[in-house]
C-alpha atoms as a PDB file:
ATOM      1  CA  UNK A   1       0.000   0.000   0.000  1.00  0.00           C
ATOM      2  CA  UNK A   2       1.134   3.547  -0.718  1.00  0.00           C
ATOM      3  CA  UNK A   3      -0.514   6.924  -0.104  1.00  0.00           C
ATOM      4  CA  UNK A   4      -0.095   9.782  -2.589  1.00  0.00           C
ATOM      5  CA  UNK A   5       1.721  12.733  -0.971  1.00  0.00           C
ATOM      6  CA  UNK A   6      -0.750  15.432  -2.026  1.00  0.00           C
ATOM      7  CA  UNK A   7      -4.047  14.098  -3.398  1.00  0.00           C
ATOM      8  CA  UNK A   8      -4.473  11.286  -0.839  1.00  0.00           C
ATOM      9  CA  UNK A   9      -5.042   8.478  -3.363  1.00  0.00           C
ATOM     10  CA  UNK A  10      -4.252   5.062  -1.933  1.00  0.00           C
ATOM     11  CA  UNK A  11      -2.501   2.426  -4.074  1.00  0.00           C
ATOM     12  CA  UNK A  12      -3.274  -1.133  -2.978  1.00  0.00           C
ATOM     13  CA  UNK A  13      -1.816  -4.324  -4.428  1.00  0.00           C
ATOM     14  CA  UNK A  14      -3.168  -7.845  -4.199  1.00  0.00           C
ATOM     15  CA  UNK A  15      -1.221 -11.107  -4.239  1.00  0.00           C
ATOM     16  CA  UNK A  16      -1.965 -11.638  -7.938  1.00  0.00           C
ATOM     17  CA  UNK A  17      -0.172  -8.463  -9.071  1.00  0.00           C
ATOM     18  CA  UNK A  18      -3.219  -6.251  -9.539  1.00  0.00           C
ATOM     19  CA  UNK A  19      -2.888  -2.661  -8.329  1.00  0.00           C
ATOM     20  CA  UNK A  20      -5.982  -0.622  -7.550  1.00  0.00           C
ATOM     21  CA  UNK A  21      -5.970   3.102  -6.898  1.00  0.00           C
ATOM     22  CA  UNK A  22      -8.501   4.173  -4.276  1.00  0.00           C
ATOM     23  CA  UNK A  23      -9.842   7.732  -3.991  1.00  0.00           C
ATOM     24  CA  UNK A  24      -8.629   8.222  -0.392  1.00  0.00           C
ATOM     25  CA  UNK A  25      -8.406   6.578   3.007  1.00  0.00           C
ATOM     26  CA  UNK A  26     -11.844   7.999   3.810  1.00  0.00           C
ATOM     27  CA  UNK A  27     -13.248   6.724   0.463  1.00  0.00           C
ATOM     28  CA  UNK A  28     -11.255   3.469   0.302  1.00  0.00           C
ATOM     29  CA  UNK A  29     -13.957   1.503  -1.558  1.00  0.00           C
ATOM     30  CA  UNK A  30     -13.979   3.973  -4.465  1.00  0.00           C
ATOM     31  CA  UNK A  31     -11.615   2.453  -7.059  1.00  0.00           C
ATOM     32  CA  UNK A  32     -10.559   5.122  -9.560  1.00  0.00           C
ATOM     33  CA  UNK A  33      -7.987   3.066 -11.524  1.00  0.00           C
ATOM     34  CA  UNK A  34      -6.797  -0.545 -11.760  1.00  0.00           C
ATOM     35  CA  UNK A  35      -3.990  -2.269 -13.651  1.00  0.00           C
ATOM     36  CA  UNK A  36      -1.897  -5.445 -13.691  1.00  0.00           C
ATOM     37  CA  UNK A  37       1.455  -5.833 -15.433  1.00  0.00           C
ATOM     38  CA  UNK A  38       2.587  -8.963 -13.589  1.00  0.00           C
ATOM     39  CA  UNK A  39       1.044 -12.121 -12.215  1.00  0.00           C
ATOM     40  CA  UNK A  40       3.511 -12.051  -9.338  1.00  0.00           C
ATOM     41  CA  UNK A  41       3.020 -10.543  -5.895  1.00  0.00           C
ATOM     42  CA  UNK A  42       4.017  -6.874  -5.614  1.00  0.00           C
ATOM     43  CA  UNK A  43       6.158  -6.492  -2.500  1.00  0.00           C
ATOM     44  CA  UNK A  44       6.641  -2.715  -2.329  1.00  0.00           C
ATOM     45  CA  UNK A  45       5.083   0.476  -3.734  1.00  0.00           C
ATOM     46  CA  UNK A  46       6.011   4.129  -3.254  1.00  0.00           C
ATOM     47  CA  UNK A  47       4.818   7.404  -4.755  1.00  0.00           C
ATOM     48  CA  UNK A  48       7.509   9.857  -5.825  1.00  0.00           C
ATOM     49  CA  UNK A  49       7.920  12.919  -3.595  1.00  0.00           C
ATOM     50  CA  UNK A  50       6.524  15.212  -6.314  1.00  0.00           C
ATOM     51  CA  UNK A  51       3.511  12.906  -6.729  1.00  0.00           C
ATOM     52  CA  UNK A  52       4.042  12.403 -10.469  1.00  0.00           C
ATOM     53  CA  UNK A  53       4.978   8.699 -10.330  1.00  0.00           C
ATOM     54  CA  UNK A  54       4.176   5.446  -8.572  1.00  0.00           C
ATOM     55  CA  UNK A  55       6.920   2.802  -8.448  1.00  0.00           C
ATOM     56  CA  UNK A  56       5.967  -0.833  -7.849  1.00  0.00           C
ATOM     57  CA  UNK A  57       8.496  -3.570  -7.003  1.00  0.00           C
ATOM     58  CA  UNK A  58       7.442  -7.146  -7.715  1.00  0.00           C
ATOM     59  CA  UNK A  59       8.368 -10.752  -7.058  1.00  0.00           C
ATOM     60  CA  UNK A  60       9.114 -11.050 -10.788  1.00  0.00           C
ATOM     61  CA  UNK A  61      12.357  -9.109 -10.052  1.00  0.00           C
ATOM     62  CA  UNK A  62      11.200  -5.927 -11.827  1.00  0.00           C
ATOM     63  CA  UNK A  63      10.232  -2.393 -10.870  1.00  0.00           C
ATOM     64  CA  UNK A  64       7.509  -0.664 -12.828  1.00  0.00           C
ATOM     65  CA  UNK A  65       7.052   3.100 -12.845  1.00  0.00           C
ATOM     66  CA  UNK A  66       3.632   4.573 -13.588  1.00  0.00           C
ATOM     67  CA  UNK A  67       2.629   8.143 -14.380  1.00  0.00           C
ATOM     68  CA  UNK A  68       0.037   9.408 -11.947  1.00  0.00           C
ATOM     69  CA  UNK A  69      -2.713  10.234 -14.436  1.00  0.00           C
ATOM     70  CA  UNK A  70      -6.239   8.981 -15.122  1.00  0.00           C
ATOM     71  CA  UNK A  71      -5.053   5.582 -16.356  1.00  0.00           C
ATOM     72  CA  UNK A  72      -1.798   5.234 -14.403  1.00  0.00           C
ATOM     73  CA  UNK A  73       0.085   4.488 -17.610  1.00  0.00           C
ATOM     74  CA  UNK A  74       3.395   2.655 -17.276  1.00  0.00           C
ATOM     75  CA  UNK A  75       6.337   4.881 -18.177  1.00  0.00           C
ATOM     76  CA  UNK A  76       9.299   2.646 -17.293  1.00  0.00           C
ATOM     77  CA  UNK A  77      10.342  -0.933 -16.581  1.00  0.00           C
ATOM     78  CA  UNK A  78      13.481  -1.497 -14.502  1.00  0.00           C
ATOM     79  CA  UNK A  79      15.068  -4.919 -15.100  1.00  0.00           C
ATOM     80  CA  UNK A  80      18.307  -6.208 -13.586  1.00  0.00           C
ATOM     81  CA  UNK A  81      17.668  -7.689 -10.139  1.00  0.00           C
ATOM     82  CA  UNK A  82      18.184 -11.409  -9.524  1.00  0.00           C
ATOM     83  CA  UNK A  83      15.445 -11.738  -6.891  1.00  0.00           C
ATOM     84  CA  UNK A  84      12.197 -10.150  -5.720  1.00  0.00           C
ATOM     85  CA  UNK A  85      12.158  -6.434  -4.916  1.00  0.00           C
ATOM     86  CA  UNK A  86      11.614  -5.645  -1.228  1.00  0.00           C
ATOM     87  CA  UNK A  87      12.943  -2.098  -0.722  1.00  0.00           C
ATOM     88  CA  UNK A  88      12.400   0.982  -2.861  1.00  0.00           C
ATOM     89  CA  UNK A  89      13.365   4.621  -2.247  1.00  0.00           C
ATOM     90  CA  UNK A  90      12.901   7.764  -4.354  1.00  0.00           C
ATOM     91  CA  UNK A  91      15.439  10.573  -4.603  1.00  0.00           C
ATOM     92  CA  UNK A  92      14.130  13.876  -3.234  1.00  0.00           C
ATOM     93  CA  UNK A  93      13.934  15.318  -6.775  1.00  0.00           C
ATOM     94  CA  UNK A  94      11.857  12.314  -7.985  1.00  0.00           C
ATOM     95  CA  UNK A  95      14.360  11.574 -10.783  1.00  0.00           C
ATOM     96  CA  UNK A  96      15.963   8.408  -9.416  1.00  0.00           C
ATOM     97  CA  UNK A  97      15.186   5.208  -7.506  1.00  0.00           C
ATOM     98  CA  UNK A  98      17.251   2.824  -5.450  1.00  0.00           C
ATOM     99  CA  UNK A  99      16.035  -0.699  -4.894  1.00  0.00           C
ATOM    100  CA  UNK A 100      17.094  -3.778  -2.936  1.00  0.00           C
ATOM    101  CA  UNK A 101      16.141  -7.327  -3.820  1.00  0.00           C
ATOM    102  CA  UNK A 102      15.999 -10.638  -1.971  1.00  0.00           C
ATOM    103  CA  UNK A 103      19.478 -11.411  -3.369  1.00  0.00           C
ATOM    104  CA  UNK A 104      20.877  -8.390  -1.427  1.00  0.00           C
ATOM    105  CA  UNK A 105      21.585  -6.349  -4.545  1.00  0.00           C
ATOM    106  CA  UNK A 106      21.364  -2.570  -4.214  1.00  0.00           C
ATOM    107  CA  UNK A 107      20.663  -1.082  -7.647  1.00  0.00           C
ATOM    108  CA  UNK A 108      20.002   2.472  -8.845  1.00  0.00           C
ATOM    109  CA  UNK A 109      17.679   3.626 -11.638  1.00  0.00           C
ATOM    110  CA  UNK A 110      16.710   6.747 -13.509  1.00  0.00           C
ATOM    111  CA  UNK A 111      12.993   7.529 -13.562  1.00  0.00           C
ATOM    112  CA  UNK A 112      13.100   6.428 -17.223  1.00  0.00           C
ATOM    113  CA  UNK A 113      13.997   2.859 -16.117  1.00  0.00           C
ATOM    114  CA  UNK A 114      17.653   2.995 -17.104  1.00  0.00           C
ATOM    115  CA  UNK A 115      20.044   1.452 -14.606  1.00  0.00           C
ATOM    116  CA  UNK A 116      22.684   3.801 -13.175  1.00  0.00           C
ATOM    117  CA  UNK A 117      25.637   1.393 -13.011  1.00  0.00           C
ATOM    118  CA  UNK A 118      27.813   3.747 -10.942  1.00  0.00           C
ATOM    119  CA  UNK A 119      24.899   4.467  -8.603  1.00  0.00           C
ATOM    120  CA  UNK A 120      26.712   4.026  -5.290  1.00  0.00           C
ATOM    121  CA  UNK A 121      29.222   6.692  -6.297  1.00  0.00           C
ATOM    122  CA  UNK A 122      26.783   8.877  -8.232  1.00  0.00           C
ATOM    123  CA  UNK A 123      24.314   9.038  -5.342  1.00  0.00           C
ATOM    124  CA  UNK A 124      26.790   9.002  -2.439  1.00  0.00           C
ATOM    125  CA  UNK A 125      25.626  12.422  -1.200  1.00  0.00           C
ATOM    126  CA  UNK A 126      21.987  12.088  -2.268  1.00  0.00           C
ATOM    127  CA  UNK A 127      19.402  12.760   0.401  1.00  0.00           C
ATOM    128  CA  UNK A 128      16.720  10.182  -0.338  1.00  0.00           C
ATOM    129  CA  UNK A 129      13.081  11.018   0.292  1.00  0.00           C
ATOM    130  CA  UNK A 130      12.657   7.729   2.167  1.00  0.00           C
ATOM    131  CA  UNK A 131      15.065   5.302   3.822  1.00  0.00           C
ATOM    132  CA  UNK A 132      13.649   1.808   3.420  1.00  0.00           C
ATOM    133  CA  UNK A 133      16.812   0.393   1.841  1.00  0.00           C
ATOM    134  CA  UNK A 134      18.728  -1.744   4.295  1.00  0.00           C
ATOM    135  CA  UNK A 135      21.935  -1.322   2.302  1.00  0.00           C
ATOM    136  CA  UNK A 136      23.846   1.836   1.401  1.00  0.00           C
ATOM    137  CA  UNK A 137      25.788   4.718   2.901  1.00  0.00           C
ATOM    138  CA  UNK A 138      23.126   5.628   5.470  1.00  0.00           C
ATOM    139  CA  UNK A 139      22.834   2.119   6.883  1.00  0.00           C
ATOM    140  CA  UNK A 140      26.528   1.310   7.041  1.00  0.00           C
ATOM    141  CA  UNK A 141      27.256  -0.405  10.363  1.00  0.00           C
ATOM    142  CA  UNK A 142      23.734  -1.634  11.268  1.00  0.00           C
ATOM    143  CA  UNK A 143      24.657  -5.301  10.890  1.00  0.00           C
ATOM    144  CA  UNK A 144      26.323  -7.029  13.852  1.00  0.00           C
ATOM    145  CA  UNK A 145      29.468  -8.991  13.062  1.00  0.00           C
ATOM    146  CA  UNK A 146      28.884 -12.434  11.579  1.00  0.00           C
ATOM    147  CA  UNK A 147      25.282 -12.026  10.433  1.00  0.00           C
ATOM    148  CA  UNK A 148      23.806 -11.926   6.950  1.00  0.00           C
ATOM    149  CA  UNK A 149      21.183  -9.651   5.414  1.00  0.00           C
ATOM    150  CA  UNK A 150      18.261 -11.611   6.866  1.00  0.00           C
ATOM    151  CA  UNK A 151      18.928 -10.259  10.363  1.00  0.00           C
ATOM    152  CA  UNK A 152      17.589  -6.816   9.403  1.00  0.00           C
ATOM    153  CA  UNK A 153      14.141  -6.854   7.802  1.00  0.00           C
ATOM    154  CA  UNK A 154      13.943  -3.187   6.927  1.00  0.00           C
ATOM    155  CA  UNK A 155      14.913   0.329   7.871  1.00  0.00           C
ATOM    156  CA  UNK A 156      13.207   3.705   8.047  1.00  0.00           C
ATOM    157  CA  UNK A 157      14.409   7.229   8.752  1.00  0.00           C
ATOM    158  CA  UNK A 158      12.511   9.523  11.093  1.00  0.00           C
ATOM    159  CA  UNK A 159      10.653  12.429   9.428  1.00  0.00           C
ATOM    160  CA  UNK A 160      13.177  14.950  10.795  1.00  0.00           C
ATOM    161  CA  UNK A 161      16.081  12.799   9.504  1.00  0.00           C
END
């Protein structure tokens, strides 16, 4: 589930890959758009900070980016992960994404779906709008010695950073 930052729309995904857009929390039964681009379970969804896009990470190892319009048309498909997507963060300018998959890969993407192969260096000083990624510069040192990535299920930054 994801809530639009300004208009209050609520994006909800079911286990079969369908995404429905609801009018608001108060009007949750009012479906204003629906789409399905995968038959796999969508693990994570997040609206961009500017509200122009919705990114959806799926168990088919892909991230889909949709324009927030009447039909929620797909504008990009990010392919490159080896496992399901479980973390997704937008840059504060809404031009880039970083994602983490079940294979512990941290990858970076342009809003157009192109992978930024030097993402760790390119975005080293980026202040991300959210902090759900459990890998990266901001989470360095959260893992105790001798444990793998399964010991931390997720992260989040406080609203005041």
